PDB file of N, CA and C in Angstrom:
ATOM      1  N   MET A   1     108.236  89.823  88.723  1.00  0.00           N
ATOM      2  CA  MET A   1     107.956  90.464  89.979  1.00  0.00           C
ATOM      3  C   MET A   1     106.783  89.714  90.635  1.00  0.00           C
ATOM      4  N   LYS A   2     106.962  89.401  91.896  1.00  0.00           N
ATOM      5  CA  LYS A   2     105.922  88.687  92.690  1.00  0.00           C
ATOM      6  C   LYS A   2     104.963  89.742  93.261  1.00  0.00           C
ATOM      7  N   LEU A   3     103.718  89.647  92.890  1.00  0.00           N
ATOM      8  CA  LEU A   3     102.703  90.570  93.377  1.00  0.00           C
ATOM      9  C   LEU A   3     101.569  89.836  94.082  1.00  0.00           C
ATOM     10  N   VAL A   4     100.985  90.460  95.076  1.00  0.00           N
ATOM     11  CA  VAL A   4      99.788  89.915  95.704  1.00  0.00           C
ATOM     12  C   VAL A   4      98.682  90.935  95.602  1.00  0.00           C
ATOM     13  N   LYS A   5      97.433  90.472  95.704  1.00  0.00           N
ATOM     14  CA  LYS A   5      96.296  91.382  95.578  1.00  0.00           C
ATOM     15  C   LYS A   5      96.421  92.556  96.529  1.00  0.00           C
ATOM     16  N   GLY A   6      96.258  93.757  95.989  1.00  0.00           N
ATOM     17  CA  GLY A   6      96.361  94.927  96.777  1.00  0.00           C
ATOM     18  C   GLY A   6      97.682  95.656  96.695  1.00  0.00           C
ATOM     19  N   ASP A   7      98.672  95.075  96.031  1.00  0.00           N
ATOM     20  CA  ASP A   7      99.958  95.783  95.855  1.00  0.00           C
ATOM     21  C   ASP A   7      99.764  96.955  94.947  1.00  0.00           C
ATOM     22  N   ILE A   8     100.466  98.013  95.214  1.00  0.00           N
ATOM     23  CA  ILE A   8     100.418  99.231  94.403  1.00  0.00           C
ATOM     24  C   ILE A   8     101.622  99.191  93.456  1.00  0.00           C
ATOM     25  N   ILE A   9     101.376  99.269  92.143  1.00  0.00           N
ATOM     26  CA  ILE A   9     102.458  99.257  91.176  1.00  0.00           C
ATOM     27  C   ILE A   9     102.455 100.560  90.419  1.00  0.00           C
ATOM     28  N   ARG A  10     103.640 100.959  89.968  1.00  0.00           N
ATOM     29  CA  ARG A  10     103.784 102.260  89.279  1.00  0.00           C
ATOM     30  C   ARG A  10     104.199 102.044  87.820  1.00  0.00           C
ATOM     31  N   ASN A  11     103.510 102.740  86.935  1.00  0.00           N
ATOM     32  CA  ASN A  11     103.815 102.744  85.505  1.00  0.00           C
ATOM     33  C   ASN A  11     104.924 103.800  85.281  1.00  0.00           C
ATOM     34  N   PRO A  12     106.093 103.386  84.816  1.00  0.00           N
ATOM     35  CA  PRO A  12     107.213 104.356  84.648  1.00  0.00           C
ATOM     36  C   PRO A  12     107.054 105.263  83.470  1.00  0.00           C
ATOM     37  N   TRP A  13     106.141 105.000  82.554  1.00  0.00           N
ATOM     38  CA  TRP A  13     105.999 105.805  81.361  1.00  0.00           C
ATOM     39  C   TRP A  13     105.044 107.001  81.571  1.00  0.00           C
ATOM     40  N   VAL A  14     104.431 107.085  82.752  1.00  0.00           N
ATOM     41  CA  VAL A  14     103.514 108.183  83.015  1.00  0.00           C
ATOM     42  C   VAL A  14     104.125 109.079  84.098  1.00  0.00           C
ATOM     43  N   SER A  15     104.230 110.376  83.785  1.00  0.00           N
ATOM     44  CA  SER A  15     104.875 111.296  84.721  1.00  0.00           C
ATOM     45  C   SER A  15     103.906 111.890  85.744  1.00  0.00           C
ATOM     46  N   ASP A  16     102.608 111.986  85.403  1.00  0.00           N
ATOM     47  CA  ASP A  16     101.597 112.589  86.268  1.00  0.00           C
ATOM     48  C   ASP A  16     101.301 111.650  87.415  1.00  0.00           C
ATOM     49  N   PRO A  17     101.552 112.075  88.686  1.00  0.00           N
ATOM     50  CA  PRO A  17     101.332 111.157  89.828  1.00  0.00           C
ATOM     51  C   PRO A  17      99.863 110.686  89.975  1.00  0.00           C
ATOM     52  N   LYS A  18      98.934 111.495  89.414  1.00  0.00           N
ATOM     53  CA  LYS A  18      97.524 111.113  89.534  1.00  0.00           C
ATOM     54  C   LYS A  18      97.187 109.890  88.672  1.00  0.00           C
ATOM     55  N   TRP A  19      97.958 109.586  87.632  1.00  0.00           N
ATOM     56  CA  TRP A  19      97.637 108.543  86.698  1.00  0.00           C
ATOM     57  C   TRP A  19      98.588 107.375  86.674  1.00  0.00           C
ATOM     58  N   ARG A  20      99.696 107.412  87.471  1.00  0.00           N
ATOM     59  CA  ARG A  20     100.731 106.418  87.284  1.00  0.00           C
ATOM     60  C   ARG A  20     100.660 105.233  88.241  1.00  0.00           C
ATOM     61  N   ASP A  21      99.843 105.268  89.282  1.00  0.00           N
ATOM     62  CA  ASP A  21      99.819 104.169  90.250  1.00  0.00           C
ATOM     63  C   ASP A  21      98.535 103.360  90.075  1.00  0.00           C
ATOM     64  N   PHE A  22      98.684 102.039  90.254  1.00  0.00           N
ATOM     65  CA  PHE A  22      97.561 101.112  90.011  1.00  0.00           C
ATOM     66  C   PHE A  22      97.551 100.101  91.169  1.00  0.00           C
ATOM     67  N   ILE A  23      96.383  99.539  91.449  1.00  0.00           N
ATOM     68  CA  ILE A  23      96.267  98.472  92.474  1.00  0.00           C
ATOM     69  C   ILE A  23      96.175  97.144  91.739  1.00  0.00           C
ATOM     70  N   PHE A  24      97.083  96.210  92.039  1.00  0.00           N
ATOM     71  CA  PHE A  24      97.089  94.932  91.388  1.00  0.00           C
ATOM     72  C   PHE A  24      95.927  94.105  91.835  1.00  0.00           C
ATOM     73  N   ILE A  25      95.255  93.400  90.890  1.00  0.00           N
ATOM     74  CA  ILE A  25      94.168  92.479  91.236  1.00  0.00           C
ATOM     75  C   ILE A  25      94.567  91.022  90.946  1.00  0.00           C
ATOM     76  N   ARG A  26      95.012  90.766  89.717  1.00  0.00           N
ATOM     77  CA  ARG A  26      95.354  89.394  89.370  1.00  0.00           C
ATOM     78  C   ARG A  26      96.178  89.362  88.070  1.00  0.00           C
ATOM     79  N   ARG A  27      96.797  88.204  87.812  1.00  0.00           N
ATOM     80  CA  ARG A  27      97.473  87.931  86.590  1.00  0.00           C
ATOM     81  C   ARG A  27      96.611  87.031  85.742  1.00  0.00           C
ATOM     82  N   GLY A  28      96.390  87.426  84.483  1.00  0.00           N
ATOM     83  CA  GLY A  28      95.672  86.601  83.545  1.00  0.00           C
ATOM     84  C   GLY A  28      96.659  85.890  82.667  1.00  0.00           C
ATOM     85  N   LYS A  29      96.189  85.322  81.566  1.00  0.00           N
ATOM     86  CA  LYS A  29      97.026  84.564  80.671  1.00  0.00           C
ATOM     87  C   LYS A  29      98.056  85.489  79.981  1.00  0.00           C
ATOM     88  N   ASN A  30      97.606  86.647  79.517  1.00  0.00           N
ATOM     89  CA  ASN A  30      98.505  87.559  78.824  1.00  0.00           C
ATOM     90  C   ASN A  30      98.634  88.925  79.522  1.00  0.00           C
ATOM     91  N   PHE A  31      97.690  89.235  80.406  1.00  0.00           N
ATOM     92  CA  PHE A  31      97.621  90.569  80.968  1.00  0.00           C
ATOM     93  C   PHE A  31      97.672  90.521  82.493  1.00  0.00           C
ATOM     94  N   VAL A  32      98.101  91.654  83.061  1.00  0.00           N
ATOM     95  CA  VAL A  32      97.985  91.872  84.512  1.00  0.00           C
ATOM     96  C   VAL A  32      96.780  92.842  84.668  1.00  0.00           C
ATOM     97  N   HIS A  33      95.817  92.451  85.543  1.00  0.00           N
ATOM     98  CA  HIS A  33      94.630  93.241  85.722  1.00  0.00           C
ATOM     99  C   HIS A  33      94.807  94.104  86.966  1.00  0.00           C
ATOM    100  N   THR A  34      94.446  95.368  86.841  1.00  0.00           N
ATOM    101  CA  THR A  34      94.627  96.335  87.901  1.00  0.00           C
ATOM    102  C   THR A  34      93.411  97.252  88.048  1.00  0.00           C
ATOM    103  N   LEU A  35      93.360  97.959  89.147  1.00  0.00           N
ATOM    104  CA  LEU A  35      92.371  99.028  89.350  1.00  0.00           C
ATOM    105  C   LEU A  35      93.047 100.395  89.360  1.00  0.00           C
ATOM    106  N   ARG A  36      92.382 101.388  88.842  1.00  0.00           N
ATOM    107  CA  ARG A  36      92.915 102.731  88.855  1.00  0.00           C
ATOM    108  C   ARG A  36      91.817 103.702  89.318  1.00  0.00           C
ATOM    109  N   PRO A  37      92.073 104.469  90.366  1.00  0.00           N
ATOM    110  CA  PRO A  37      91.070 105.462  90.768  1.00  0.00           C
ATOM    111  C   PRO A  37      91.044 106.616  89.764  1.00  0.00           C
ATOM    112  N   ASN A  38      89.831 107.076  89.453  1.00  0.00           N
ATOM    113  CA  ASN A  38      89.709 108.118  88.444  1.00  0.00           C
ATOM    114  C   ASN A  38      88.580 109.066  88.891  1.00  0.00           C
ATOM    115  N   GLY A  39      88.973 110.096  89.655  1.00  0.00           N
ATOM    116  CA  GLY A  39      87.974 111.117  90.070  1.00  0.00           C
ATOM    117  C   GLY A  39      86.817 110.547  90.844  1.00  0.00           C
ATOM    118  N   GLY A  40      87.028 109.680  91.810  1.00  0.00           N
ATOM    119  CA  GLY A  40      85.976 109.121  92.572  1.00  0.00           C
ATOM    120  C   GLY A  40      85.455 107.812  92.036  1.00  0.00           C
ATOM    121  N   LEU A  41      85.749 107.473  90.812  1.00  0.00           N
ATOM    122  CA  LEU A  41      85.373 106.215  90.219  1.00  0.00           C
ATOM    123  C   LEU A  41      86.575 105.259  90.209  1.00  0.00           C
ATOM    124  N   VAL A  42      86.306 103.987  90.054  1.00  0.00           N
ATOM    125  CA  VAL A  42      87.385 103.028  89.960  1.00  0.00           C
ATOM    126  C   VAL A  42      87.279 102.324  88.616  1.00  0.00           C
ATOM    127  N   GLU A  43      88.377 102.390  87.844  1.00  0.00           N
ATOM    128  CA  GLU A  43      88.402 101.787  86.486  1.00  0.00           C
ATOM    129  C   GLU A  43      89.296 100.575  86.463  1.00  0.00           C
ATOM    130  N   ASP A  44      88.957  99.619  85.577  1.00  0.00           N
ATOM    131  CA  ASP A  44      89.800  98.481  85.356  1.00  0.00           C
ATOM    132  C   ASP A  44      90.864  98.868  84.321  1.00  0.00           C
ATOM    133  N   ALA A  45      92.107  98.514  84.522  1.00  0.00           N
ATOM    134  CA  ALA A  45      93.184  98.721  83.557  1.00  0.00           C
ATOM    135  C   ALA A  45      93.946  97.443  83.383  1.00  0.00           C
ATOM    136  N   GLN A  46      94.372  97.147  82.159  1.00  0.00           N
ATOM    137  CA  GLN A  46      95.141  95.932  81.875  1.00  0.00           C
ATOM    138  C   GLN A  46      96.459  96.314  81.216  1.00  0.00           C
ATOM    139  N   PHE A  47      97.483  95.569  81.580  1.00  0.00           N
ATOM    140  CA  PHE A  47      98.825  95.767  80.993  1.00  0.00           C
ATOM    141  C   PHE A  47      99.392  94.445  80.627  1.00  0.00           C
ATOM    142  N   TYR A  48     100.232  94.403  79.572  1.00  0.00           N
ATOM    143  CA  TYR A  48     100.896  93.178  79.253  1.00  0.00           C
ATOM    144  C   TYR A  48     101.818  92.730  80.403  1.00  0.00           C
ATOM    145  N   LYS A  49     101.815  91.417  80.686  1.00  0.00           N
ATOM    146  CA  LYS A  49     102.567  90.862  81.769  1.00  0.00           C
ATOM    147  C   LYS A  49     104.050  91.176  81.618  1.00  0.00           C
ATOM    148  N   LYS A  50     104.578  91.127  80.399  1.00  0.00           N
ATOM    149  CA  LYS A  50     105.977  91.387  80.116  1.00  0.00           C
ATOM    150  C   LYS A  50     106.350  92.822  80.541  1.00  0.00           C
ATOM    151  N   ASP A  51     105.462  93.771  80.220  1.00  0.00           N
ATOM    152  CA  ASP A  51     105.753  95.157  80.543  1.00  0.00           C
ATOM    153  C   ASP A  51     105.783  95.350  82.068  1.00  0.00           C
ATOM    154  N   VAL A  52     104.839  94.749  82.776  1.00  0.00           N
ATOM    155  CA  VAL A  52     104.761  94.868  84.227  1.00  0.00           C
ATOM    156  C   VAL A  52     106.021  94.230  84.864  1.00  0.00           C
ATOM    157  N   ASP A  53     106.378  93.072  84.409  1.00  0.00           N
ATOM    158  CA  ASP A  53     107.531  92.382  84.997  1.00  0.00           C
ATOM    159  C   ASP A  53     108.821  93.091  84.720  1.00  0.00           C
ATOM    160  N   GLU A  54     108.993  93.714  83.558  1.00  0.00           N
ATOM    161  CA  GLU A  54     110.243  94.337  83.189  1.00  0.00           C
ATOM    162  C   GLU A  54     110.383  95.794  83.546  1.00  0.00           C
ATOM    163  N   HIS A  55     109.271  96.536  83.589  1.00  0.00           N
ATOM    164  CA  HIS A  55     109.378  98.008  83.746  1.00  0.00           C
ATOM    165  C   HIS A  55     108.664  98.604  84.968  1.00  0.00           C
ATOM    166  N   PHE A  56     107.585  98.002  85.390  1.00  0.00           N
ATOM    167  CA  PHE A  56     106.815  98.560  86.518  1.00  0.00           C
ATOM    168  C   PHE A  56     107.563  98.294  87.838  1.00  0.00           C
ATOM    169  N   THR A  57     107.294  99.137  88.836  1.00  0.00           N
ATOM    170  CA  THR A  57     107.881  98.897  90.158  1.00  0.00           C
ATOM    171  C   THR A  57     106.768  98.806  91.199  1.00  0.00           C
ATOM    172  N   LYS A  58     107.030  98.016  92.218  1.00  0.00           N
ATOM    173  CA  LYS A  58     106.110  97.916  93.351  1.00  0.00           C
ATOM    174  C   LYS A  58     106.459  99.040  94.312  1.00  0.00           C
ATOM    175  N   VAL A  59     105.470  99.873  94.637  1.00  0.00           N
ATOM    176  CA  VAL A  59     105.728 100.995  95.538  1.00  0.00           C
ATOM    177  C   VAL A  59     105.021 100.911  96.861  1.00  0.00           C
ATOM    178  N   GLY A  60     104.211  99.882  97.087  1.00  0.00           N
ATOM    179  CA  GLY A  60     103.540  99.764  98.387  1.00  0.00           C
ATOM    180  C   GLY A  60     102.399  98.741  98.331  1.00  0.00           C
ATOM    181  N   HIS A  61     101.558  98.817  99.352  1.00  0.00           N
ATOM    182  CA  HIS A  61     100.389  97.929  99.421  1.00  0.00           C
ATOM    183  C   HIS A  61      99.232  98.712  99.979  1.00  0.00           C
ATOM    184  N   SER A  62      98.047  98.490  99.450  1.00  0.00           N
ATOM    185  CA  SER A  62      96.840  99.185  99.823  1.00  0.00           C
ATOM    186  C   SER A  62      96.106  98.457 100.987  1.00  0.00           C
ATOM    187  N   ALA A  63      96.184  99.029 102.189  1.00  0.00           N
ATOM    188  CA  ALA A  63      95.473  98.478 103.318  1.00  0.00           C
ATOM    189  C   ALA A  63      93.955  98.611 103.098  1.00  0.00           C
ATOM    190  N   GLY A  64      93.523  99.645 102.454  1.00  0.00           N
ATOM    191  CA  GLY A  64      92.087  99.825 102.160  1.00  0.00           C
ATOM    192  C   GLY A  64      91.563  98.745 101.253  1.00  0.00           C
ATOM    193  N   PHE A  65      92.383  98.301 100.271  1.00  0.00           N
ATOM    194  CA  PHE A  65      91.956  97.238  99.408  1.00  0.00           C
ATOM    195  C   PHE A  65      91.825  95.923 100.206  1.00  0.00           C
ATOM    196  N   ASP A  66      92.740  95.659 101.129  1.00  0.00           N
ATOM    197  CA  ASP A  66      92.681  94.482 101.976  1.00  0.00           C
ATOM    198  C   ASP A  66      91.371  94.491 102.806  1.00  0.00           C
ATOM    199  N   THR A  67      91.036  95.626 103.383  1.00  0.00           N
ATOM    200  CA  THR A  67      89.794  95.748 104.147  1.00  0.00           C
ATOM    201  C   THR A  67      88.580  95.490 103.286  1.00  0.00           C
ATOM    202  N   MET A  68      88.538  96.109 102.117  1.00  0.00           N
ATOM    203  CA  MET A  68      87.420  95.898 101.229  1.00  0.00           C
ATOM    204  C   MET A  68      87.304  94.426 100.806  1.00  0.00           C
ATOM    205  N   LEU A  69      88.401  93.780 100.519  1.00  0.00           N
ATOM    206  CA  LEU A  69      88.403  92.395 100.130  1.00  0.00           C
ATOM    207  C   LEU A  69      87.884  91.492 101.281  1.00  0.00           C
ATOM    208  N   ARG A  70      88.302  91.755 102.504  1.00  0.00           N
ATOM    209  CA  ARG A  70      87.811  90.984 103.652  1.00  0.00           C
ATOM    210  C   ARG A  70      86.325  91.167 103.840  1.00  0.00           C
ATOM    211  N   GLU A  71      85.822  92.378 103.665  1.00  0.00           N
ATOM    212  CA  GLU A  71      84.393  92.631 103.831  1.00  0.00           C
ATOM    213  C   GLU A  71      83.565  91.942 102.774  1.00  0.00           C
ATOM    214  N   VAL A  72      84.074  91.927 101.528  1.00  0.00           N
ATOM    215  CA  VAL A  72      83.355  91.294 100.416  1.00  0.00           C
ATOM    216  C   VAL A  72      83.339  89.780 100.586  1.00  0.00           C
ATOM    217  N   THR A  73      84.476  89.190 101.015  1.00  0.00           N
ATOM    218  CA  THR A  73      84.551  87.733 101.110  1.00  0.00           C
ATOM    219  C   THR A  73      84.032  87.224 102.437  1.00  0.00           C
ATOM    220  N   GLY A  74      83.840  88.115 103.408  1.00  0.00           N
ATOM    221  CA  GLY A  74      83.314  87.689 104.704  1.00  0.00           C
ATOM    222  C   GLY A  74      84.381  87.127 105.621  1.00  0.00           C
ATOM    223  N   GLU A  75      85.660  87.318 105.286  1.00  0.00           N
ATOM    224  CA  GLU A  75      86.714  86.816 106.146  1.00  0.00           C
ATOM    225  C   GLU A  75      86.917  87.700 107.316  1.00  0.00           C
ATOM    226  N   GLU A  76      87.245  87.074 108.456  1.00  0.00           N
ATOM    227  CA  GLU A  76      87.573  87.825 109.671  1.00  0.00           C
ATOM    228  C   GLU A  76      89.054  88.145 109.701  1.00  0.00           C
ATOM    229  N   GLU A  77      89.370  89.285 110.245  1.00  0.00           N
ATOM    230  CA  GLU A  77      90.764  89.667 110.349  1.00  0.00           C
ATOM    231  C   GLU A  77      91.431  88.863 111.442  1.00  0.00           C
ATOM    232  N   THR A  78      92.588  88.261 111.112  1.00  0.00           N
ATOM    233  CA  THR A  78      93.316  87.508 112.093  1.00  0.00           C
ATOM    234  C   THR A  78      94.662  88.184 112.359  1.00  0.00           C
ATOM    235  N   ARG A  79      95.005  88.263 113.625  1.00  0.00           N
ATOM    236  CA  ARG A  79      96.294  88.894 114.000  1.00  0.00           C
ATOM    237  C   ARG A  79      96.958  88.046 115.017  1.00  0.00           C
TER     238      ARG A  79
END
């Protein structure tokens, strides 16, 4: 599965909507690194690349993550 920073991916093994969606950050050597909101906090979560590629689904993209990334890197929005 082709993912870009800020894509929202869904873990199919979790039924509770509060815990099943993650924001993709990057692919590592063995793991996919994601962020998960948890009651106002943001936690890092890692999953095996094979599990993400075979079972997870892409359900959207986080515009808020894009905005945060632009502010942190100092990039100007281009349209």
